[in-house]
N, C-alpha and C. Protein backbone atom coordinates (compact mmCIF):
# COMPACT_ATOMS: atom_id res chain seq x y z
N MET A 1 0.85 -1.32 0.06
CA MET A 1 -0.04 0.00 -0.10
C MET A 1 0.75 1.31 0.09
N ALA A 2 0.52 2.00 -0.96
CA ALA A 2 1.23 3.33 -0.77
C ALA A 2 0.96 4.38 0.17
N VAL A 3 2.12 4.83 0.83
CA VAL A 3 1.89 5.88 1.97
C VAL A 3 1.86 7.56 1.05
N LYS A 4 1.06 8.13 1.50
CA LYS A 4 0.88 9.48 1.06
C LYS A 4 0.93 10.66 2.44
N ALA A 5 1.30 11.59 1.83
CA ALA A 5 1.56 12.91 2.81
C ALA A 5 0.91 14.02 2.20
N LEU A 6 0.61 15.16 3.11
CA LEU A 6 -0.28 16.28 2.79
C LEU A 6 0.83 17.29 2.79
N LEU A 7 1.43 18.14 1.90
CA LEU A 7 2.28 19.13 1.95
C LEU A 7 1.56 20.63 2.25
N GLU A 8 2.43 21.23 3.13
CA GLU A 8 1.90 22.57 3.63
C GLU A 8 2.78 23.34 3.53
N GLY A 9 2.42 24.68 2.92
CA GLY A 9 3.37 25.39 2.97
C GLY A 9 4.25 25.39 1.39
N GLY A 10 5.36 26.27 1.13
CA GLY A 10 5.86 26.36 -0.08
C GLY A 10 5.03 27.22 -1.00
N PRO A 11 5.62 27.15 -2.62
CA PRO A 11 5.02 27.80 -3.31
C PRO A 11 3.68 27.93 -3.65
N ASP A 12 2.82 28.89 -3.78
CA ASP A 12 1.62 28.85 -4.14
C ASP A 12 1.19 28.09 -5.58
N ASP A 13 2.13 28.05 -6.42
CA ASP A 13 1.75 27.46 -7.68
C ASP A 13 2.14 26.02 -7.70
N LEU A 14 2.50 25.38 -6.60
CA LEU A 14 2.83 23.77 -6.05
C LEU A 14 1.28 23.49 -6.18
N LEU A 15 0.76 22.54 -7.35
CA LEU A 15 -0.62 22.04 -7.26
C LEU A 15 -0.72 20.61 -6.47
N GLU A 16 0.22 20.06 -6.66
CA GLU A 16 0.25 18.66 -6.03
C GLU A 16 0.50 18.93 -4.60
N ARG A 17 -0.82 18.91 -3.64
CA ARG A 17 -0.50 18.82 -2.38
C ARG A 17 -0.61 17.39 -1.39
N ILE A 18 -1.05 16.57 -2.14
CA ILE A 18 -1.19 15.13 -1.78
C ILE A 18 -0.15 14.20 -2.42
N VAL A 19 0.97 13.70 -1.95
CA VAL A 19 2.18 13.01 -2.91
C VAL A 19 2.39 11.61 -2.06
N SER A 20 2.82 10.82 -2.90
CA SER A 20 3.31 9.70 -2.47
C SER A 20 4.63 9.66 -1.81
N VAL A 21 4.96 8.88 -0.65
CA VAL A 21 5.84 8.99 0.27
C VAL A 21 6.62 7.54 0.24
N THR A 22 8.11 7.26 -0.59
CA THR A 22 8.82 6.02 -0.26
C THR A 22 8.93 6.06 0.91
N THR A 23 9.61 6.61 1.72
CA THR A 23 10.19 6.22 2.83
C THR A 23 9.55 7.06 4.26
N PRO A 24 8.40 6.57 4.65
CA PRO A 24 7.74 7.47 5.75
C PRO A 24 8.69 8.12 6.91
N GLY A 25 8.71 9.48 6.93
CA GLY A 25 9.79 10.11 8.36
C GLY A 25 10.86 10.46 7.36
N GLU A 26 10.91 10.43 6.37
CA GLU A 26 12.43 11.12 5.67
C GLU A 26 11.73 12.32 4.96
N ASP A 27 12.76 13.17 4.72
CA ASP A 27 12.21 14.73 4.38
C ASP A 27 11.84 14.41 2.96
N LEU A 28 10.97 14.89 2.16
CA LEU A 28 10.58 15.21 0.55
C LEU A 28 11.21 15.99 -0.12
N LYS A 29 11.54 15.54 -1.28
CA LYS A 29 11.93 16.55 -2.39
C LYS A 29 11.21 16.56 -3.44
N ILE A 30 10.78 17.73 -3.65
CA ILE A 30 9.78 17.79 -5.03
C ILE A 30 10.11 18.54 -5.92
N PRO A 31 10.62 17.99 -7.16
CA PRO A 31 10.92 18.67 -8.24
C PRO A 31 9.91 19.84 -8.98
N HIS A 32 10.18 21.12 -9.01
CA HIS A 32 9.41 22.39 -9.03
C HIS A 32 10.04 23.31 -9.70
N ARG A 33 9.65 23.97 -10.83
CA ARG A 33 10.22 25.10 -11.61
C ARG A 33 11.70 25.18 -11.79
N GLY A 34 12.40 24.20 -11.93
CA GLY A 34 13.83 24.24 -11.92
C GLY A 34 14.77 24.23 -10.91
N GLY A 35 13.96 23.57 -9.97
CA GLY A 35 14.64 23.23 -8.65
C GLY A 35 13.79 22.31 -7.55
N TYR A 36 13.97 22.29 -6.59
CA TYR A 36 13.44 21.00 -5.76
C TYR A 36 12.97 22.16 -4.51
N GLU A 37 11.51 21.77 -4.03
CA GLU A 37 10.99 22.31 -2.96
C GLU A 37 11.40 21.10 -1.84
N HIS A 38 11.56 21.58 -0.51
CA HIS A 38 12.18 20.43 0.36
C HIS A 38 10.98 20.60 1.50
N PHE A 39 10.28 19.35 1.97
CA PHE A 39 9.44 19.53 3.25
C PHE A 39 9.78 18.56 4.02
N LYS A 40 9.96 18.83 5.25
CA LYS A 40 9.89 17.83 6.61
C LYS A 40 8.80 17.58 7.24
N GLY A 41 8.84 16.45 7.51
CA GLY A 41 7.58 15.64 8.33
C GLY A 41 7.32 16.31 9.65
N THR A 42 6.12 16.33 9.88
CA THR A 42 5.70 16.83 11.18
C THR A 42 4.85 15.98 12.19
N SER A 43 4.54 15.91 13.36
CA SER A 43 3.65 15.32 14.16
C SER A 43 2.55 15.37 13.97
N ARG A 44 1.97 16.25 13.03
CA ARG A 44 0.42 16.38 12.61
C ARG A 44 0.09 15.56 11.76
N TYR A 45 -1.20 15.68 11.59
CA TYR A 45 -2.33 14.85 10.68
C TYR A 45 -3.53 15.56 10.28
N GLN A 46 -3.83 15.56 9.00
CA GLN A 46 -4.81 16.28 8.55
C GLN A 46 -5.69 15.47 7.81
N ASP A 47 -6.99 15.66 8.24
CA ASP A 47 -7.94 14.94 6.91
C ASP A 47 -7.89 15.40 5.65
N SER A 48 -8.06 14.90 4.76
CA SER A 48 -8.06 15.03 3.23
C SER A 48 -8.92 14.22 2.56
N PRO A 49 -9.24 14.51 1.32
CA PRO A 49 -10.01 13.42 0.42
C PRO A 49 -9.38 12.06 0.64
N GLU A 50 -8.25 11.94 0.79
CA GLU A 50 -7.67 10.61 0.48
C GLU A 50 -7.74 9.97 2.12
N GLY A 51 -8.50 10.34 2.79
CA GLY A 51 -8.25 10.28 4.41
C GLY A 51 -7.29 11.13 5.53
N ARG A 52 -7.04 10.40 6.42
CA ARG A 52 -5.96 11.22 7.50
C ARG A 52 -4.72 10.80 6.99
N LEU A 53 -3.99 12.01 6.51
CA LEU A 53 -2.68 11.95 6.03
C LEU A 53 -1.76 12.57 6.99
N PRO A 54 -0.09 12.35 7.05
CA PRO A 54 0.84 13.04 7.68
C PRO A 54 0.89 14.35 7.11
N VAL A 55 1.25 15.44 7.89
CA VAL A 55 1.64 16.66 7.36
C VAL A 55 2.96 16.88 7.22
N TYR A 56 3.40 17.23 5.98
CA TYR A 56 5.01 17.79 5.63
C TYR A 56 4.92 19.27 5.41
N GLU A 57 6.18 20.19 6.25
CA GLU A 57 6.00 21.40 5.92
C GLU A 57 7.03 21.72 5.09
N TRP A 58 6.67 22.93 4.10
CA TRP A 58 8.14 23.31 3.63
C TRP A 58 8.97 23.83 4.44
N TRP A 59 10.38 23.72 4.06
CA TRP A 59 11.69 24.30 4.78
C TRP A 59 12.55 24.99 3.84
N GLU A 60 12.69 24.53 2.71
CA GLU A 60 13.57 25.48 1.96
C GLU A 60 13.50 24.90 0.50
N ARG A 61 14.28 25.94 -0.62
CA ARG A 61 14.08 25.41 -1.86
C ARG A 61 15.60 25.21 -2.52
N THR A 62 16.20 24.38 -3.16
CA THR A 62 17.42 24.82 -3.71
C THR A 62 17.22 24.46 -5.33
N GLU A 63 18.11 25.00 -6.08
CA GLU A 63 18.18 25.08 -7.27
C GLU A 63 18.68 23.96 -7.86
N ILE A 64 18.51 23.52 -9.27
CA ILE A 64 19.32 22.41 -10.02
C ILE A 64 20.56 22.94 -10.76
N ALA A 65 21.46 22.54 -10.28
CA ALA A 65 22.80 22.83 -10.94
C ALA A 65 22.53 22.53 -12.60
N GLU A 66 23.23 23.31 -13.21
CA GLU A 66 23.29 23.44 -14.77
C GLU A 66 24.49 23.13 -15.29
């Protein structure tokens, strides 16, 4: 069964707010606009259309080196 998480914060144009999590508890790195948005797990959960999901908060953006 795929584990999913709810993303909170970050850029307003980041459309996917419910994402699959490969390893629960590890930080998430989401490709977006030529870089990566980084999210850290929290101890919070939130109800969503896909059930109760762990909340990951945005904490930084890194650029992809060219």
